[in-house]
Amino acid sequence: MLDQFQYADWVGTAGVSLLLLAFALNVFGALDRKSMSYSLMNVLGAGLAAYASWLISYFPFLVLESTWCLVSLFAVASAVSKKPADETT
């Protein structure tokens, strides 16, 4: 079966594996959904899955994964732009 995998299959598998790993780590309490690691895993995973969807020209999942990636990017950007609560300037 793996000998029939094409480039898009490998990219998509890597992407959804990252998404599922982030989800599982969150469900089992090893990774907070508000953590930078969780958001970055979602950005990378959804980005790879979106790219794989584009490679195979499957528009519904391209929309889904692109949206997931953008929302996760927004979470990363929000976390980066926030100042620590105890910081005074």
N, C-alpha and C. Protein backbone atom coordinates (compact mmCIF):
# COMPACT_ATOMS: atom_id res chain seq x y z
N MET A 1 0.82 -1.19 0.00
CA MET A 1 0.00 0.00 0.00
C MET A 1 0.87 1.26 0.00
N LEU A 2 1.88 1.29 0.87
CA LEU A 2 2.73 2.48 0.94
C LEU A 2 3.50 2.72 -0.35
N ASP A 3 3.75 1.66 -1.11
CA ASP A 3 4.47 1.83 -2.36
C ASP A 3 3.64 2.58 -3.41
N GLN A 4 2.33 2.70 -3.16
CA GLN A 4 1.46 3.42 -4.08
C GLN A 4 1.25 4.87 -3.64
N PHE A 5 1.80 5.25 -2.49
CA PHE A 5 1.67 6.63 -2.01
C PHE A 5 2.37 7.58 -2.96
N GLN A 6 1.71 8.67 -3.22
CA GLN A 6 2.31 9.73 -4.03
C GLN A 6 2.66 10.89 -3.10
N TYR A 7 3.31 11.89 -3.66
CA TYR A 7 3.75 13.06 -2.89
C TYR A 7 2.60 13.66 -2.08
N ALA A 8 1.46 13.88 -2.71
CA ALA A 8 0.30 14.49 -2.02
C ALA A 8 -0.15 13.62 -0.85
N ASP A 9 -0.06 12.29 -0.99
CA ASP A 9 -0.45 11.40 0.10
C ASP A 9 0.48 11.57 1.30
N TRP A 10 1.77 11.68 1.05
CA TRP A 10 2.73 11.85 2.15
C TRP A 10 2.54 13.20 2.84
N VAL A 11 2.33 14.24 2.06
CA VAL A 11 2.12 15.57 2.64
C VAL A 11 0.84 15.59 3.47
N GLY A 12 -0.23 15.07 2.91
CA GLY A 12 -1.50 15.04 3.62
C GLY A 12 -1.46 14.19 4.88
N THR A 13 -0.77 13.07 4.81
CA THR A 13 -0.63 12.19 5.97
C THR A 13 0.15 12.88 7.08
N ALA A 14 1.21 13.57 6.72
CA ALA A 14 1.98 14.32 7.71
C ALA A 14 1.11 15.40 8.35
N GLY A 15 0.34 16.10 7.54
CA GLY A 15 -0.52 17.17 8.05
C GLY A 15 -1.58 16.68 9.00
N VAL A 16 -2.33 15.68 8.59
CA VAL A 16 -3.40 15.20 9.47
C VAL A 16 -2.84 14.49 10.70
N SER A 17 -1.65 13.91 10.57
CA SER A 17 -1.01 13.29 11.74
C SER A 17 -0.68 14.34 12.80
N LEU A 18 -0.17 15.49 12.36
CA LEU A 18 0.10 16.58 13.30
C LEU A 18 -1.18 17.09 13.95
N LEU A 19 -2.23 17.24 13.15
CA LEU A 19 -3.51 17.70 13.70
C LEU A 19 -4.04 16.72 14.74
N LEU A 20 -3.99 15.44 14.42
CA LEU A 20 -4.49 14.43 15.35
C LEU A 20 -3.62 14.31 16.59
N LEU A 21 -2.32 14.47 16.44
CA LEU A 21 -1.43 14.44 17.59
C LEU A 21 -1.73 15.60 18.54
N ALA A 22 -1.90 16.79 17.98
CA ALA A 22 -2.25 17.96 18.80
C ALA A 22 -3.57 17.72 19.53
N PHE A 23 -4.54 17.19 18.81
CA PHE A 23 -5.85 16.91 19.40
C PHE A 23 -5.74 15.90 20.54
N ALA A 24 -5.02 14.81 20.29
CA ALA A 24 -4.88 13.76 21.31
C ALA A 24 -4.14 14.28 22.54
N LEU A 25 -3.07 15.03 22.31
CA LEU A 25 -2.33 15.60 23.44
C LEU A 25 -3.20 16.54 24.26
N ASN A 26 -4.07 17.27 23.58
CA ASN A 26 -4.99 18.17 24.29
C ASN A 26 -6.02 17.38 25.09
N VAL A 27 -6.60 16.38 24.46
CA VAL A 27 -7.64 15.58 25.13
C VAL A 27 -7.09 14.89 26.37
N PHE A 28 -5.84 14.43 26.30
CA PHE A 28 -5.26 13.71 27.44
C PHE A 28 -4.53 14.63 28.41
N GLY A 29 -4.67 15.94 28.21
CA GLY A 29 -4.15 16.91 29.17
C GLY A 29 -2.66 17.20 29.07
N ALA A 30 -2.01 16.73 28.03
CA ALA A 30 -0.58 16.96 27.88
C ALA A 30 -0.26 18.28 27.16
N LEU A 31 -1.26 18.88 26.56
CA LEU A 31 -1.05 20.10 25.78
C LEU A 31 -2.28 20.98 25.90
N ASP A 32 -2.09 22.19 26.39
CA ASP A 32 -3.20 23.13 26.55
C ASP A 32 -3.58 23.70 25.19
N ARG A 33 -4.86 23.82 24.95
CA ARG A 33 -5.32 24.34 23.65
C ARG A 33 -4.94 25.80 23.43
N LYS A 34 -4.58 26.50 24.50
CA LYS A 34 -4.17 27.89 24.37
C LYS A 34 -2.65 28.04 24.28
N SER A 35 -1.94 26.92 24.26
CA SER A 35 -0.48 26.99 24.20
C SER A 35 0.00 27.28 22.78
N MET A 36 1.20 27.85 22.72
CA MET A 36 1.80 28.15 21.43
C MET A 36 2.08 26.85 20.66
N SER A 37 2.50 25.81 21.36
CA SER A 37 2.78 24.52 20.71
C SER A 37 1.55 23.97 20.01
N TYR A 38 0.42 24.03 20.70
CA TYR A 38 -0.83 23.54 20.12
C TYR A 38 -1.20 24.32 18.86
N SER A 39 -1.10 25.64 18.94
CA SER A 39 -1.44 26.47 17.78
C SER A 39 -0.48 26.24 16.62
N LEU A 40 0.81 26.11 16.93
CA LEU A 40 1.79 25.88 15.86
C LEU A 40 1.61 24.51 15.21
N MET A 41 1.27 23.51 16.01
CA MET A 41 0.99 22.18 15.43
C MET A 41 -0.22 22.25 14.50
N ASN A 42 -1.21 23.05 14.90
CA ASN A 42 -2.40 23.21 14.06
C ASN A 42 -2.09 23.98 12.78
N VAL A 43 -1.26 25.02 12.89
CA VAL A 43 -0.88 25.79 11.69
C VAL A 43 -0.16 24.88 10.70
N LEU A 44 0.85 24.17 11.19
CA LEU A 44 1.64 23.32 10.31
C LEU A 44 0.82 22.16 9.76
N GLY A 45 0.07 21.51 10.63
CA GLY A 45 -0.74 20.37 10.20
C GLY A 45 -1.81 20.76 9.19
N ALA A 46 -2.54 21.83 9.50
CA ALA A 46 -3.60 22.28 8.58
C ALA A 46 -3.00 22.83 7.30
N GLY A 47 -1.85 23.49 7.40
CA GLY A 47 -1.20 24.00 6.20
C GLY A 47 -0.78 22.87 5.28
N LEU A 48 -0.21 21.82 5.84
CA LEU A 48 0.19 20.67 5.02
C LEU A 48 -1.03 19.97 4.42
N ALA A 49 -2.08 19.83 5.22
CA ALA A 49 -3.30 19.19 4.72
C ALA A 49 -3.95 20.04 3.62
N ALA A 50 -3.91 21.36 3.77
CA ALA A 50 -4.46 22.24 2.74
C ALA A 50 -3.65 22.12 1.46
N TYR A 51 -2.33 22.10 1.60
CA TYR A 51 -1.46 21.95 0.44
C TYR A 51 -1.72 20.62 -0.28
N ALA A 52 -1.87 19.55 0.48
CA ALA A 52 -2.18 18.25 -0.13
C ALA A 52 -3.53 18.30 -0.85
N SER A 53 -4.50 18.97 -0.25
CA SER A 53 -5.82 19.10 -0.88
C SER A 53 -5.72 19.88 -2.18
N TRP A 54 -4.88 20.90 -2.19
CA TRP A 54 -4.65 21.67 -3.41
C TRP A 54 -3.98 20.80 -4.48
N LEU A 55 -3.02 19.99 -4.06
CA LEU A 55 -2.31 19.13 -5.01
C LEU A 55 -3.24 18.15 -5.70
N ILE A 56 -4.24 17.67 -4.97
CA ILE A 56 -5.17 16.71 -5.58
C ILE A 56 -6.45 17.38 -6.08
N SER A 57 -6.47 18.71 -6.01
CA SER A 57 -7.61 19.50 -6.50
C SER A 57 -8.93 19.13 -5.83
N TYR A 58 -8.89 19.00 -4.51
CA TYR A 58 -10.10 18.70 -3.76
C TYR A 58 -10.50 19.93 -2.96
N PHE A 59 -11.38 20.73 -3.56
CA PHE A 59 -11.74 22.04 -3.05
C PHE A 59 -12.38 22.03 -1.66
N PRO A 60 -13.30 21.12 -1.34
CA PRO A 60 -13.91 21.17 0.00
C PRO A 60 -12.89 21.10 1.13
N PHE A 61 -11.92 20.23 1.03
CA PHE A 61 -10.92 20.13 2.09
C PHE A 61 -9.89 21.25 2.00
N LEU A 62 -9.69 21.79 0.83
CA LEU A 62 -8.82 22.96 0.70
C LEU A 62 -9.42 24.12 1.50
N VAL A 63 -10.71 24.32 1.39
CA VAL A 63 -11.39 25.38 2.15
C VAL A 63 -11.32 25.09 3.64
N LEU A 64 -11.63 23.86 4.03
CA LEU A 64 -11.62 23.48 5.44
C LEU A 64 -10.23 23.67 6.06
N GLU A 65 -9.23 23.10 5.45
CA GLU A 65 -7.88 23.13 6.02
C GLU A 65 -7.26 24.52 5.95
N SER A 66 -7.57 25.27 4.89
CA SER A 66 -7.06 26.65 4.80
C SER A 66 -7.66 27.51 5.91
N THR A 67 -8.94 27.34 6.15
CA THR A 67 -9.60 28.09 7.22
C THR A 67 -9.01 27.71 8.57
N TRP A 68 -8.81 26.42 8.79
CA TRP A 68 -8.21 25.92 10.03
C TRP A 68 -6.82 26.53 10.22
N CYS A 69 -6.04 26.56 9.15
CA CYS A 69 -4.69 27.13 9.20
C CYS A 69 -4.73 28.62 9.52
N LEU A 70 -5.63 29.36 8.88
CA LEU A 70 -5.72 30.80 9.11
C LEU A 70 -6.17 31.13 10.53
N VAL A 71 -7.13 30.38 11.04
CA VAL A 71 -7.59 30.60 12.42
C VAL A 71 -6.45 30.30 13.39
N SER A 72 -5.71 29.25 13.14
CA SER A 72 -4.57 28.91 14.00
C SER A 72 -3.47 29.96 13.89
N LEU A 73 -3.25 30.49 12.70
CA LEU A 73 -2.28 31.57 12.53
C LEU A 73 -2.70 32.80 13.33
N PHE A 74 -3.99 33.09 13.34
CA PHE A 74 -4.51 34.20 14.12
C PHE A 74 -4.23 33.98 15.60
N ALA A 75 -4.41 32.73 16.07
CA ALA A 75 -4.14 32.42 17.48
C ALA A 75 -2.67 32.62 17.80
N VAL A 76 -1.79 32.23 16.89
CA VAL A 76 -0.35 32.41 17.09
C VAL A 76 -0.02 33.91 17.13
N ALA A 77 -0.56 34.65 16.16
CA ALA A 77 -0.30 36.09 16.11
C ALA A 77 -0.82 36.80 17.35
N SER A 78 -1.97 36.40 17.83
CA SER A 78 -2.53 37.00 19.04
C SER A 78 -1.65 36.71 20.25
N ALA A 79 -1.16 35.50 20.35
CA ALA A 79 -0.31 35.12 21.48
C ALA A 79 1.02 35.87 21.43
N VAL A 80 1.55 36.05 20.24
CA VAL A 80 2.84 36.74 20.09
C VAL A 80 2.69 38.22 20.42
N SER A 81 1.57 38.80 20.04
CA SER A 81 1.37 40.24 20.24
C SER A 81 1.00 40.63 21.66
N LYS A 82 0.54 39.67 22.45
CA LYS A 82 0.15 39.95 23.84
C LYS A 82 1.39 40.16 24.70
N LYS A 83 1.30 41.13 25.56
CA LYS A 83 2.36 41.37 26.54
C LYS A 83 2.03 40.60 27.80
N PRO A 84 3.03 40.15 28.52
CA PRO A 84 2.73 39.49 29.79
C PRO A 84 1.95 40.43 30.72
N ALA A 85 1.04 39.89 31.48
CA ALA A 85 0.16 40.69 32.34
C ALA A 85 0.93 41.44 33.42
N ASP A 86 2.05 40.89 33.86
CA ASP A 86 2.78 41.54 34.94
C ASP A 86 3.83 42.53 34.43
N GLU A 87 3.95 42.68 33.12
CA GLU A 87 4.94 43.59 32.57
C GLU A 87 4.42 45.04 32.63
N THR A 88 5.25 45.94 33.09
CA THR A 88 4.87 47.35 33.15
C THR A 88 5.80 48.15 32.27
N THR A 89 5.23 49.08 31.52
CA THR A 89 6.04 49.94 30.65
C THR A 89 5.71 51.39 30.86
